[in-house]
């Protein structure tokens, strides 16, 4: 997949999260920092139910474009769900867990290409 399509996938995932009222949506360009992915999409919900709704929205919206995750981890507990689309990794957190794990700070050197509160 080319760079433009990968970036569009990250933006589409962020838009799907926004559709379910996710907060603190950030897309991080991590291409220069790691080989595990090109972009991280970080967002959070205020409850386990909202986290699940955000995950379902991202999964559905990307599936409409023929994009499916290689793996989804954490969906059972809905506290921190990691959706692995290879080039894009979507992290959907419960608000408290995002504050605890501080991925935003950990990947602070990454360029932010989209921020939505």
PDB file of N, CA and C in Angstrom:
ATOM      1  N   UNK A   1       0.853  -1.176   0.000  1.00  0.00           N
ATOM      2  CA  UNK A   1       0.000   0.000   0.000  1.00  0.00           C
ATOM      3  C   UNK A   1       0.901   1.242   0.000  1.00  0.00           C
ATOM      4  N   UNK A   2       0.545   2.233  -0.796  1.00  0.00           N
ATOM      5  CA  UNK A   2       1.396   3.424  -0.877  1.00  0.00           C
ATOM      6  C   UNK A   2       1.147   4.375   0.299  1.00  0.00           C
ATOM      7  N   UNK A   3       2.098   5.297   0.475  1.00  0.00           N
ATOM      8  CA  UNK A   3       2.059   6.207   1.629  1.00  0.00           C
ATOM      9  C   UNK A   3       0.752   6.991   1.729  1.00  0.00           C
ATOM     10  N   UNK A   4       0.243   7.457   0.601  1.00  0.00           N
ATOM     11  CA  UNK A   4      -0.984   8.246   0.612  1.00  0.00           C
ATOM     12  C   UNK A   4      -2.160   7.411   1.119  1.00  0.00           C
ATOM     13  N   UNK A   5      -2.271   6.176   0.664  1.00  0.00           N
ATOM     14  CA  UNK A   5      -3.378   5.315   1.088  1.00  0.00           C
ATOM     15  C   UNK A   5      -3.259   4.945   2.565  1.00  0.00           C
ATOM     16  N   UNK A   6      -2.040   4.767   3.034  1.00  0.00           N
ATOM     17  CA  UNK A   6      -1.831   4.447   4.449  1.00  0.00           C
ATOM     18  C   UNK A   6      -2.259   5.626   5.316  1.00  0.00           C
ATOM     19  N   UNK A   7      -1.865   6.825   4.905  1.00  0.00           N
ATOM     20  CA  UNK A   7      -2.266   8.038   5.639  1.00  0.00           C
ATOM     21  C   UNK A   7      -3.789   8.191   5.626  1.00  0.00           C
ATOM     22  N   UNK A   8      -4.406   7.928   4.477  1.00  0.00           N
ATOM     23  CA  UNK A   8      -5.862   8.013   4.370  1.00  0.00           C
ATOM     24  C   UNK A   8      -6.543   7.002   5.295  1.00  0.00           C
ATOM     25  N   UNK A   9      -5.947   5.805   5.443  1.00  0.00           N
ATOM     26  CA  UNK A   9      -6.491   4.801   6.344  1.00  0.00           C
ATOM     27  C   UNK A   9      -6.461   5.313   7.777  1.00  0.00           C
ATOM     28  N   UNK A  10      -5.369   5.938   8.181  1.00  0.00           N
ATOM     29  CA  UNK A  10      -5.263   6.486   9.534  1.00  0.00           C
ATOM     30  C   UNK A  10      -6.316   7.567   9.756  1.00  0.00           C
ATOM     31  N   UNK A  11      -6.497   8.425   8.775  1.00  0.00           N
ATOM     32  CA  UNK A  11      -7.494   9.497   8.892  1.00  0.00           C
ATOM     33  C   UNK A  11      -8.904   8.914   8.946  1.00  0.00           C
ATOM     34  N   UNK A  12      -9.159   7.898   8.138  1.00  0.00           N
ATOM     35  CA  UNK A  12     -10.471   7.247   8.152  1.00  0.00           C
ATOM     36  C   UNK A  12     -10.757   6.614   9.515  1.00  0.00           C
ATOM     37  N   UNK A  13      -9.753   5.995  10.105  1.00  0.00           N
ATOM     38  CA  UNK A  13      -9.913   5.408  11.444  1.00  0.00           C
ATOM     39  C   UNK A  13     -10.224   6.501  12.469  1.00  0.00           C
ATOM     40  N   UNK A  14      -9.525   7.626  12.378  1.00  0.00           N
ATOM     41  CA  UNK A  14      -9.770   8.738  13.301  1.00  0.00           C
ATOM     42  C   UNK A  14     -11.179   9.295  13.115  1.00  0.00           C
ATOM     43  N   UNK A  15     -11.636   9.398  11.874  1.00  0.00           N
ATOM     44  CA  UNK A  15     -12.990   9.888  11.607  1.00  0.00           C
ATOM     45  C   UNK A  15     -14.038   8.930  12.167  1.00  0.00           C
ATOM     46  N   UNK A  16     -13.780   7.625  12.045  1.00  0.00           N
ATOM     47  CA  UNK A  16     -14.710   6.630  12.585  1.00  0.00           C
ATOM     48  C   UNK A  16     -14.786   6.741  14.100  1.00  0.00           C
ATOM     49  N   UNK A  17     -13.642   6.992  14.743  1.00  0.00           N
ATOM     50  CA  UNK A  17     -13.628   7.190  16.196  1.00  0.00           C
ATOM     51  C   UNK A  17     -14.415   8.447  16.565  1.00  0.00           C
ATOM     52  N   UNK A  18     -14.230   9.490  15.789  1.00  0.00           N
ATOM     53  CA  UNK A  18     -14.940  10.747  16.036  1.00  0.00           C
ATOM     54  C   UNK A  18     -16.453  10.563  15.889  1.00  0.00           C
ATOM     55  N   UNK A  19     -16.859   9.691  14.967  1.00  0.00           N
ATOM     56  CA  UNK A  19     -18.290   9.422  14.787  1.00  0.00           C
ATOM     57  C   UNK A  19     -18.935   8.912  16.068  1.00  0.00           C
ATOM     58  N   UNK A  20     -18.155   8.255  16.925  1.00  0.00           N
ATOM     59  CA  UNK A  20     -18.665   7.727  18.191  1.00  0.00           C
ATOM     60  C   UNK A  20     -18.236   8.586  19.380  1.00  0.00           C
ATOM     61  N   UNK A  21     -17.909   9.840  19.069  1.00  0.00           N
ATOM     62  CA  UNK A  21     -17.589  10.837  20.104  1.00  0.00           C
ATOM     63  C   UNK A  21     -16.343  10.517  20.915  1.00  0.00           C
ATOM     64  N   UNK A  22     -15.366   9.843  20.291  1.00  0.00           N
ATOM     65  CA  UNK A  22     -14.078   9.629  20.955  1.00  0.00           C
ATOM     66  C   UNK A  22     -13.464  10.991  21.246  1.00  0.00           C
ATOM     67  N   UNK A  23     -12.657  11.057  22.291  1.00  0.00           N
ATOM     68  CA  UNK A  23     -12.003  12.309  22.639  1.00  0.00           C
ATOM     69  C   UNK A  23     -10.494  12.170  22.497  1.00  0.00           C
ATOM     70  N   UNK A  24      -9.829  13.317  22.471  1.00  0.00           N
ATOM     71  CA  UNK A  24      -8.368  13.374  22.370  1.00  0.00           C
ATOM     72  C   UNK A  24      -7.842  12.505  21.231  1.00  0.00           C
ATOM     73  N   UNK A  25      -8.425  12.660  20.059  1.00  0.00           N
ATOM     74  CA  UNK A  25      -8.005  11.878  18.891  1.00  0.00           C
ATOM     75  C   UNK A  25      -6.730  12.483  18.329  1.00  0.00           C
ATOM     76  N   UNK A  26      -5.716  11.634  18.188  1.00  0.00           N
ATOM     77  CA  UNK A  26      -4.425  12.079  17.667  1.00  0.00           C
ATOM     78  C   UNK A  26      -3.921  11.019  16.680  1.00  0.00           C
ATOM     79  N   UNK A  27      -3.401  11.475  15.555  1.00  0.00           N
ATOM     80  CA  UNK A  27      -2.690  10.576  14.651  1.00  0.00           C
ATOM     81  C   UNK A  27      -1.222  10.949  14.728  1.00  0.00           C
ATOM     82  N   UNK A  28      -0.399   9.956  15.056  1.00  0.00           N
ATOM     83  CA  UNK A  28       1.039  10.168  15.156  1.00  0.00           C
ATOM     84  C   UNK A  28       1.737   9.518  13.966  1.00  0.00           C
ATOM     85  N   UNK A  29       2.583  10.269  13.299  1.00  0.00           N
ATOM     86  CA  UNK A  29       3.409   9.738  12.225  1.00  0.00           C
ATOM     87  C   UNK A  29       4.672   9.180  12.869  1.00  0.00           C
ATOM     88  N   UNK A  30       4.756   7.860  12.956  1.00  0.00           N
ATOM     89  CA  UNK A  30       5.880   7.219  13.641  1.00  0.00           C
ATOM     90  C   UNK A  30       6.868   6.568  12.673  1.00  0.00           C
ATOM     91  N   UNK A  31       6.763   6.907  11.385  1.00  0.00           N
ATOM     92  CA  UNK A  31       7.620   6.276  10.370  1.00  0.00           C
ATOM     93  C   UNK A  31       9.104   6.435  10.660  1.00  0.00           C
ATOM     94  N   UNK A  32       9.505   7.572  11.185  1.00  0.00           N
ATOM     95  CA  UNK A  32      10.929   7.803  11.443  1.00  0.00           C
ATOM     96  C   UNK A  32      11.378   7.246  12.799  1.00  0.00           C
ATOM     97  N   UNK A  33      10.446   6.720  13.581  1.00  0.00           N
ATOM     98  CA  UNK A  33      10.759   6.286  14.940  1.00  0.00           C
ATOM     99  C   UNK A  33      10.722   4.772  15.142  1.00  0.00           C
ATOM    100  N   UNK A  34      10.001   4.058  14.286  1.00  0.00           N
ATOM    101  CA  UNK A  34       9.847   2.616  14.469  1.00  0.00           C
ATOM    102  C   UNK A  34       9.517   1.949  13.142  1.00  0.00           C
ATOM    103  N   UNK A  35       9.743   0.665  13.092  1.00  0.00           N
ATOM    104  CA  UNK A  35       9.383  -0.096  11.895  1.00  0.00           C
ATOM    105  C   UNK A  35       8.092  -0.880  12.077  1.00  0.00           C
ATOM    106  N   UNK A  36       7.477  -0.796  13.255  1.00  0.00           N
ATOM    107  CA  UNK A  36       6.278  -1.595  13.495  1.00  0.00           C
ATOM    108  C   UNK A  36       5.033  -1.047  12.808  1.00  0.00           C
ATOM    109  N   UNK A  37       5.026   0.243  12.503  1.00  0.00           N
ATOM    110  CA  UNK A  37       3.880   0.857  11.832  1.00  0.00           C
ATOM    111  C   UNK A  37       4.296   2.217  11.293  1.00  0.00           C
ATOM    112  N   UNK A  38       3.456   2.754  10.419  1.00  0.00           N
ATOM    113  CA  UNK A  38       3.687   4.103   9.912  1.00  0.00           C
ATOM    114  C   UNK A  38       2.952   5.151  10.744  1.00  0.00           C
ATOM    115  N   UNK A  39       1.745   4.773  11.195  1.00  0.00           N
ATOM    116  CA  UNK A  39       0.923   5.714  11.964  1.00  0.00           C
ATOM    117  C   UNK A  39       0.293   5.006  13.151  1.00  0.00           C
ATOM    118  N   UNK A  40       0.177   5.750  14.234  1.00  0.00           N
ATOM    119  CA  UNK A  40      -0.622   5.339  15.383  1.00  0.00           C
ATOM    120  C   UNK A  40      -1.810   6.286  15.441  1.00  0.00           C
ATOM    121  N   UNK A  41      -2.978   5.745  15.669  1.00  0.00           N
ATOM    122  CA  UNK A  41      -4.166   6.549  15.945  1.00  0.00           C
ATOM    123  C   UNK A  41      -4.480   6.310  17.414  1.00  0.00           C
ATOM    124  N   UNK A  42      -4.496   7.373  18.202  1.00  0.00           N
ATOM    125  CA  UNK A  42      -4.805   7.286  19.628  1.00  0.00           C
ATOM    126  C   UNK A  42      -6.105   8.031  19.894  1.00  0.00           C
ATOM    127  N   UNK A  43      -6.964   7.430  20.696  1.00  0.00           N
ATOM    128  CA  UNK A  43      -8.194   8.113  21.094  1.00  0.00           C
ATOM    129  C   UNK A  43      -8.706   7.450  22.357  1.00  0.00           C
ATOM    130  N   UNK A  44      -9.689   8.058  22.974  1.00  0.00           N
ATOM    131  CA  UNK A  44     -10.254   7.445  24.156  1.00  0.00           C
ATOM    132  C   UNK A  44     -11.747   7.684  24.270  1.00  0.00           C
ATOM    133  N   UNK A  45     -12.345   6.787  25.059  1.00  0.00           N
ATOM    134  CA  UNK A  45     -13.749   6.885  25.410  1.00  0.00           C
ATOM    135  C   UNK A  45     -13.856   7.005  26.915  1.00  0.00           C
ATOM    136  N   UNK A  46     -15.022   7.350  27.374  1.00  0.00           N
ATOM    137  CA  UNK A  46     -15.228   7.581  28.807  1.00  0.00           C
ATOM    138  C   UNK A  46     -15.775   6.379  29.554  1.00  0.00           C
ATOM    139  N   UNK A  47     -16.076   5.303  28.833  1.00  0.00           N
ATOM    140  CA  UNK A  47     -16.587   4.090  29.476  1.00  0.00           C
ATOM    141  C   UNK A  47     -16.214   2.892  28.602  1.00  0.00           C
ATOM    142  N   UNK A  48     -16.325   1.705  29.175  1.00  0.00           N
ATOM    143  CA  UNK A  48     -16.049   0.497  28.415  1.00  0.00           C
ATOM    144  C   UNK A  48     -17.009   0.376  27.236  1.00  0.00           C
ATOM    145  N   UNK A  49     -18.260   0.754  27.451  1.00  0.00           N
ATOM    146  CA  UNK A  49     -19.265   0.698  26.388  1.00  0.00           C
ATOM    147  C   UNK A  49     -18.894   1.623  25.233  1.00  0.00           C
ATOM    148  N   UNK A  50     -18.434   2.828  25.548  1.00  0.00           N
ATOM    149  CA  UNK A  50     -18.041   3.760  24.492  1.00  0.00           C
ATOM    150  C   UNK A  50     -16.784   3.264  23.775  1.00  0.00           C
ATOM    151  N   UNK A  51     -15.823   2.706  24.504  1.00  0.00           N
ATOM    152  CA  UNK A  51     -14.621   2.149  23.876  1.00  0.00           C
ATOM    153  C   UNK A  51     -15.025   1.078  22.873  1.00  0.00           C
ATOM    154  N   UNK A  52     -15.934   0.191  23.266  1.00  0.00           N
ATOM    155  CA  UNK A  52     -16.388  -0.865  22.363  1.00  0.00           C
ATOM    156  C   UNK A  52     -17.068  -0.270  21.132  1.00  0.00           C
ATOM    157  N   UNK A  53     -17.889   0.749  21.323  1.00  0.00           N
ATOM    158  CA  UNK A  53     -18.573   1.390  20.196  1.00  0.00           C
ATOM    159  C   UNK A  53     -17.567   2.030  19.235  1.00  0.00           C
ATOM    160  N   UNK A  54     -16.527   2.645  19.774  1.00  0.00           N
ATOM    161  CA  UNK A  54     -15.482   3.257  18.942  1.00  0.00           C
ATOM    162  C   UNK A  54     -14.772   2.178  18.131  1.00  0.00           C
ATOM    163  N   UNK A  55     -14.401   1.083  18.792  1.00  0.00           N
ATOM    164  CA  UNK A  55     -13.720  -0.026  18.109  1.00  0.00           C
ATOM    165  C   UNK A  55     -14.598  -0.567  16.982  1.00  0.00           C
ATOM    166  N   UNK A  56     -15.867  -0.789  17.270  1.00  0.00           N
ATOM    167  CA  UNK A  56     -16.779  -1.314  16.251  1.00  0.00           C
ATOM    168  C   UNK A  56     -16.906  -0.350  15.079  1.00  0.00           C
ATOM    169  N   UNK A  57     -16.954   0.942  15.359  1.00  0.00           N
ATOM    170  CA  UNK A  57     -17.061   1.950  14.314  1.00  0.00           C
ATOM    171  C   UNK A  57     -15.826   1.953  13.410  1.00  0.00           C
ATOM    172  N   UNK A  58     -14.639   1.897  14.024  1.00  0.00           N
ATOM    173  CA  UNK A  58     -13.397   1.860  13.241  1.00  0.00           C
ATOM    174  C   UNK A  58     -13.373   0.605  12.379  1.00  0.00           C
ATOM    175  N   UNK A  59     -13.685  -0.524  12.991  1.00  0.00           N
ATOM    176  CA  UNK A  59     -13.660  -1.791  12.264  1.00  0.00           C
ATOM    177  C   UNK A  59     -14.639  -1.774  11.085  1.00  0.00           C
ATOM    178  N   UNK A  60     -15.838  -1.284  11.302  1.00  0.00           N
ATOM    179  CA  UNK A  60     -16.857  -1.230  10.246  1.00  0.00           C
ATOM    180  C   UNK A  60     -16.473  -0.285   9.115  1.00  0.00           C
ATOM    181  N   UNK A  61     -15.996   0.908   9.482  1.00  0.00           N
ATOM    182  CA  UNK A  61     -15.675   1.909   8.463  1.00  0.00           C
ATOM    183  C   UNK A  61     -14.498   1.462   7.588  1.00  0.00           C
ATOM    184  N   UNK A  62     -13.494   0.852   8.207  1.00  0.00           N
ATOM    185  CA  UNK A  62     -12.359   0.373   7.420  1.00  0.00           C
ATOM    186  C   UNK A  62     -12.745  -0.852   6.592  1.00  0.00           C
ATOM    187  N   UNK A  63     -13.619  -1.703   7.124  1.00  0.00           N
ATOM    188  CA  UNK A  63     -14.081  -2.876   6.375  1.00  0.00           C
ATOM    189  C   UNK A  63     -14.832  -2.462   5.108  1.00  0.00           C
ATOM    190  N   UNK A  64     -15.544  -1.340   5.174  1.00  0.00           N
ATOM    191  CA  UNK A  64     -16.236  -0.828   3.986  1.00  0.00           C
ATOM    192  C   UNK A  64     -15.261  -0.549   2.845  1.00  0.00           C
ATOM    193  N   UNK A  65     -14.007  -0.282   3.183  1.00  0.00           N
ATOM    194  CA  UNK A  65     -12.961  -0.010   2.186  1.00  0.00           C
ATOM    195  C   UNK A  65     -12.121  -1.256   1.903  1.00  0.00           C
ATOM    196  N   UNK A  66     -12.561  -2.397   2.447  1.00  0.00           N
ATOM    197  CA  UNK A  66     -11.821  -3.634   2.231  1.00  0.00           C
ATOM    198  C   UNK A  66     -10.579  -3.765   3.098  1.00  0.00           C
ATOM    199  N   UNK A  67     -10.545  -3.023   4.210  1.00  0.00           N
ATOM    200  CA  UNK A  67      -9.400  -3.039   5.116  1.00  0.00           C
ATOM    201  C   UNK A  67      -9.786  -3.762   6.404  1.00  0.00           C
ATOM    202  N   UNK A  68      -9.023  -4.799   6.724  1.00  0.00           N
ATOM    203  CA  UNK A  68      -9.342  -5.623   7.895  1.00  0.00           C
ATOM    204  C   UNK A  68      -8.121  -5.724   8.796  1.00  0.00           C
ATOM    205  N   UNK A  69      -8.346  -5.746  10.106  1.00  0.00           N
ATOM    206  CA  UNK A  69      -7.203  -5.835  11.031  1.00  0.00           C
ATOM    207  C   UNK A  69      -6.559  -7.214  10.989  1.00  0.00           C
ATOM    208  N   UNK A  70      -5.248  -7.216  11.180  1.00  0.00           N
ATOM    209  CA  UNK A  70      -4.546  -8.490  11.321  1.00  0.00           C
ATOM    210  C   UNK A  70      -4.849  -9.099  12.680  1.00  0.00           C
ATOM    211  N   UNK A  71      -5.081  -8.218  13.648  1.00  0.00           N
ATOM    212  CA  UNK A  71      -5.368  -8.664  15.004  1.00  0.00           C
ATOM    213  C   UNK A  71      -6.046  -7.536  15.770  1.00  0.00           C
ATOM    214  N   UNK A  72      -6.876  -7.918  16.721  1.00  0.00           N
ATOM    215  CA  UNK A  72      -7.460  -6.964  17.673  1.00  0.00           C
ATOM    216  C   UNK A  72      -7.230  -7.544  19.058  1.00  0.00           C
ATOM    217  N   UNK A  73      -6.589  -6.787  19.910  1.00  0.00           N
ATOM    218  CA  UNK A  73      -6.301  -7.239  21.273  1.00  0.00           C
ATOM    219  C   UNK A  73      -6.989  -6.328  22.281  1.00  0.00           C
ATOM    220  N   UNK A  74      -7.513  -6.913  23.346  1.00  0.00           N
ATOM    221  CA  UNK A  74      -8.092  -6.137  24.429  1.00  0.00           C
ATOM    222  C   UNK A  74      -9.568  -5.857  24.304  1.00  0.00           C
ATOM    223  N   UNK A  75     -10.195  -6.375  23.274  1.00  0.00           N
ATOM    224  CA  UNK A  75     -11.603  -6.062  23.038  1.00  0.00           C
ATOM    225  C   UNK A  75     -12.514  -6.577  24.160  1.00  0.00           C
ATOM    226  N   UNK A  76     -12.120  -7.693  24.772  1.00  0.00           N
ATOM    227  CA  UNK A  76     -12.946  -8.279  25.832  1.00  0.00           C
ATOM    228  C   UNK A  76     -13.126  -7.326  27.009  1.00  0.00           C
ATOM    229  N   UNK A  77     -12.050  -6.690  27.455  1.00  0.00           N
ATOM    230  CA  UNK A  77     -12.122  -5.801  28.607  1.00  0.00           C
ATOM    231  C   UNK A  77     -12.493  -4.374  28.260  1.00  0.00           C
ATOM    232  N   UNK A  78     -12.260  -3.991  27.016  1.00  0.00           N
ATOM    233  CA  UNK A  78     -12.574  -2.647  26.516  1.00  0.00           C
ATOM    234  C   UNK A  78     -11.966  -1.536  27.372  1.00  0.00           C
ATOM    235  N   UNK A  79     -10.727  -1.753  27.827  1.00  0.00           N
ATOM    236  CA  UNK A  79     -10.002  -0.710  28.557  1.00  0.00           C
ATOM    237  C   UNK A  79      -8.910  -0.105  27.663  1.00  0.00           C
ATOM    238  N   UNK A  80      -8.216  -0.962  26.930  1.00  0.00           N
ATOM    239  CA  UNK A  80      -7.228  -0.533  25.944  1.00  0.00           C
ATOM    240  C   UNK A  80      -7.314  -1.552  24.822  1.00  0.00           C
ATOM    241  N   UNK A  81      -7.882  -1.146  23.717  1.00  0.00           N
ATOM    242  CA  UNK A  81      -8.035  -2.032  22.571  1.00  0.00           C
ATOM    243  C   UNK A  81      -7.033  -1.599  21.517  1.00  0.00           C
ATOM    244  N   UNK A  82      -6.248  -2.573  21.061  1.00  0.00           N
ATOM    245  CA  UNK A  82      -5.250  -2.325  20.027  1.00  0.00           C
ATOM    246  C   UNK A  82      -5.713  -3.020  18.753  1.00  0.00           C
ATOM    247  N   UNK A  83      -5.872  -2.228  17.699  1.00  0.00           N
ATOM    248  CA  UNK A  83      -6.315  -2.741  16.398  1.00  0.00           C
ATOM    249  C   UNK A  83      -5.134  -2.638  15.440  1.00  0.00           C
ATOM    250  N   UNK A  84      -4.631  -3.790  15.021  1.00  0.00           N
ATOM    251  CA  UNK A  84      -3.417  -3.837  14.199  1.00  0.00           C
ATOM    252  C   UNK A  84      -3.777  -3.984  12.725  1.00  0.00           C
ATOM    253  N   UNK A  85      -3.622  -2.885  11.989  1.00  0.00           N
ATOM    254  CA  UNK A  85      -3.830  -2.881  10.544  1.00  0.00           C
ATOM    255  C   UNK A  85      -2.492  -2.852   9.812  1.00  0.00           C
ATOM    256  N   UNK A  86      -1.464  -3.378  10.426  1.00  0.00           N
ATOM    257  CA  UNK A  86      -0.093  -3.440   9.887  1.00  0.00           C
ATOM    258  C   UNK A  86       0.529  -2.053   9.820  1.00  0.00           C
ATOM    259  N   UNK A  87       0.208  -1.266   8.821  1.00  0.00           N
ATOM    260  CA  UNK A  87       0.805   0.057   8.665  1.00  0.00           C
ATOM    261  C   UNK A  87       0.201   1.096   9.599  1.00  0.00           C
ATOM    262  N   UNK A  88      -0.989   0.809  10.081  1.00  0.00           N
ATOM    263  CA  UNK A  88      -1.689   1.710  11.010  1.00  0.00           C
ATOM    264  C   UNK A  88      -2.103   0.890  12.229  1.00  0.00           C
ATOM    265  N   UNK A  89      -1.767   1.384  13.399  1.00  0.00           N
ATOM    266  CA  UNK A  89      -2.199   0.738  14.637  1.00  0.00           C
ATOM    267  C   UNK A  89      -3.099   1.724  15.379  1.00  0.00           C
ATOM    268  N   UNK A  90      -4.305   1.269  15.649  1.00  0.00           N
ATOM    269  CA  UNK A  90      -5.298   2.094  16.328  1.00  0.00           C
ATOM    270  C   UNK A  90      -5.351   1.667  17.797  1.00  0.00           C
ATOM    271  N   UNK A  91      -5.153   2.638  18.673  1.00  0.00           N
ATOM    272  CA  UNK A  91      -5.233   2.410  20.119  1.00  0.00           C
ATOM    273  C   UNK A  91      -6.483   3.132  20.627  1.00  0.00           C
ATOM    274  N   UNK A  92      -7.436   2.366  21.128  1.00  0.00           N
ATOM    275  CA  UNK A  92      -8.641   2.958  21.707  1.00  0.00           C
ATOM    276  C   UNK A  92      -8.592   2.677  23.209  1.00  0.00           C
ATOM    277  N   UNK A  93      -8.482   3.732  23.972  1.00  0.00           N
ATOM    278  CA  UNK A  93      -8.314   3.623  25.419  1.00  0.00           C
ATOM    279  C   UNK A  93      -9.563   4.041  26.164  1.00  0.00           C
ATOM    280  N   UNK A  94      -9.730   3.468  27.356  1.00  0.00           N
ATOM    281  CA  UNK A  94     -10.572   4.084  28.367  1.00  0.00           C
ATOM    282  C   UNK A  94      -9.754   5.281  28.846  1.00  0.00           C
ATOM    283  N   UNK A  95     -10.388   6.391  29.099  1.00  0.00           N
ATOM    284  CA  UNK A  95      -9.671   7.629  29.440  1.00  0.00           C
ATOM    285  C   UNK A  95      -8.618   7.422  30.536  1.00  0.00           C
ATOM    286  N   UNK A  96      -8.965   6.716  31.597  1.00  0.00           N
ATOM    287  CA  UNK A  96      -8.031   6.507  32.710  1.00  0.00           C
ATOM    288  C   UNK A  96      -6.802   5.708  32.278  1.00  0.00           C
ATOM    289  N   UNK A  97      -7.001   4.734  31.411  1.00  0.00           N
ATOM    290  CA  UNK A  97      -5.883   3.908  30.955  1.00  0.00           C
ATOM    291  C   UNK A  97      -4.944   4.701  30.034  1.00  0.00           C
ATOM    292  N   UNK A  98      -5.508   5.585  29.249  1.00  0.00           N
ATOM    293  CA  UNK A  98      -4.649   6.412  28.388  1.00  0.00           C
ATOM    294  C   UNK A  98      -3.761   7.313  29.232  1.00  0.00           C
ATOM    295  N   UNK A  99      -4.323   7.881  30.274  1.00  0.00           N
ATOM    296  CA  UNK A  99      -3.535   8.727  31.170  1.00  0.00           C
ATOM    297  C   UNK A  99      -2.451   7.911  31.859  1.00  0.00           C
ATOM    298  N   UNK A 100      -2.763   6.679  32.226  1.00  0.00           N
ATOM    299  CA  UNK A 100      -1.802   5.826  32.929  1.00  0.00           C
ATOM    300  C   UNK A 100      -0.637   5.409  32.023  1.00  0.00           C
ATOM    301  N   UNK A 101      -0.927   4.950  30.823  1.00  0.00           N
ATOM    302  CA  UNK A 101       0.118   4.423  29.945  1.00  0.00           C
ATOM    303  C   UNK A 101       0.898   5.502  29.194  1.00  0.00           C
ATOM    304  N   UNK A 102       0.337   6.680  29.059  1.00  0.00           N
ATOM    305  CA  UNK A 102       1.022   7.854  28.484  1.00  0.00           C
ATOM    306  C   UNK A 102       1.715   7.582  27.150  1.00  0.00           C
ATOM    307  N   UNK A 103       1.029   6.913  26.236  1.00  0.00           N
ATOM    308  CA  UNK A 103       1.626   6.687  24.912  1.00  0.00           C
ATOM    309  C   UNK A 103       1.923   7.987  24.190  1.00  0.00           C
ATOM    310  N   UNK A 104       1.112   9.004  24.448  1.00  0.00           N
ATOM    311  CA  UNK A 104       1.354  10.310  23.820  1.00  0.00           C
ATOM    312  C   UNK A 104       2.741  10.825  24.196  1.00  0.00           C
ATOM    313  N   UNK A 105       3.109  10.659  25.457  1.00  0.00           N
ATOM    314  CA  UNK A 105       4.423  11.111  25.911  1.00  0.00           C
ATOM    315  C   UNK A 105       5.517  10.183  25.395  1.00  0.00           C
ATOM    316  N   UNK A 106       5.268   8.881  25.449  1.00  0.00           N
ATOM    317  CA  UNK A 106       6.242   7.892  24.993  1.00  0.00           C
ATOM    318  C   UNK A 106       6.627   8.117  23.527  1.00  0.00           C
ATOM    319  N   UNK A 107       5.649   8.460  22.705  1.00  0.00           N
ATOM    320  CA  UNK A 107       5.892   8.721  21.286  1.00  0.00           C
ATOM    321  C   UNK A 107       5.879  10.223  21.006  1.00  0.00           C
ATOM    322  N   UNK A 108       6.309  11.004  21.969  1.00  0.00           N
ATOM    323  CA  UNK A 108       6.279  12.461  21.872  1.00  0.00           C
ATOM    324  C   UNK A 108       7.100  13.049  20.742  1.00  0.00           C
ATOM    325  N   UNK A 109       8.073  12.308  20.231  1.00  0.00           N
ATOM    326  CA  UNK A 109       8.890  12.808  19.124  1.00  0.00           C
ATOM    327  C   UNK A 109       8.189  12.643  17.773  1.00  0.00           C
ATOM    328  N   UNK A 110       7.087  11.948  17.749  1.00  0.00           N
ATOM    329  CA  UNK A 110       6.353  11.718  16.491  1.00  0.00           C
ATOM    330  C   UNK A 110       5.638  13.003  16.072  1.00  0.00           C
ATOM    331  N   UNK A 111       5.551  13.195  14.762  1.00  0.00           N
ATOM    332  CA  UNK A 111       4.803  14.316  14.222  1.00  0.00           C
ATOM    333  C   UNK A 111       3.313  14.035  14.388  1.00  0.00           C
ATOM    334  N   UNK A 112       2.576  15.014  14.903  1.00  0.00           N
ATOM    335  CA  UNK A 112       1.127  14.884  15.027  1.00  0.00           C
ATOM    336  C   UNK A 112       0.509  15.396  13.744  1.00  0.00           C
ATOM    337  N   UNK A 113      -0.226  14.536  13.050  1.00  0.00           N
ATOM    338  CA  UNK A 113      -0.821  14.994  11.798  1.00  0.00           C
ATOM    339  C   UNK A 113      -2.300  15.322  11.939  1.00  0.00           C
ATOM    340  N   UNK A 114      -2.904  14.894  13.040  1.00  0.00           N
ATOM    341  CA  UNK A 114      -4.308  15.231  13.273  1.00  0.00           C
ATOM    342  C   UNK A 114      -4.537  15.223  14.771  1.00  0.00           C
ATOM    343  N   UNK A 115      -5.135  16.276  15.240  1.00  0.00           N
ATOM    344  CA  UNK A 115      -5.471  16.353  16.658  1.00  0.00           C
ATOM    345  C   UNK A 115      -6.911  16.829  16.734  1.00  0.00           C
ATOM    346  N   UNK A 116      -7.717  16.119  17.527  1.00  0.00           N
ATOM    347  CA  UNK A 116      -9.103  16.489  17.708  1.00  0.00           C
ATOM    348  C   UNK A 116      -9.470  16.245  19.153  1.00  0.00           C
ATOM    349  N   UNK A 117      -9.881  17.278  19.837  1.00  0.00           N
ATOM    350  CA  UNK A 117     -10.285  17.117  21.242  1.00  0.00           C
ATOM    351  C   UNK A 117     -11.716  16.797  21.240  1.00  0.00           C
TER     352      UNK A 117
END
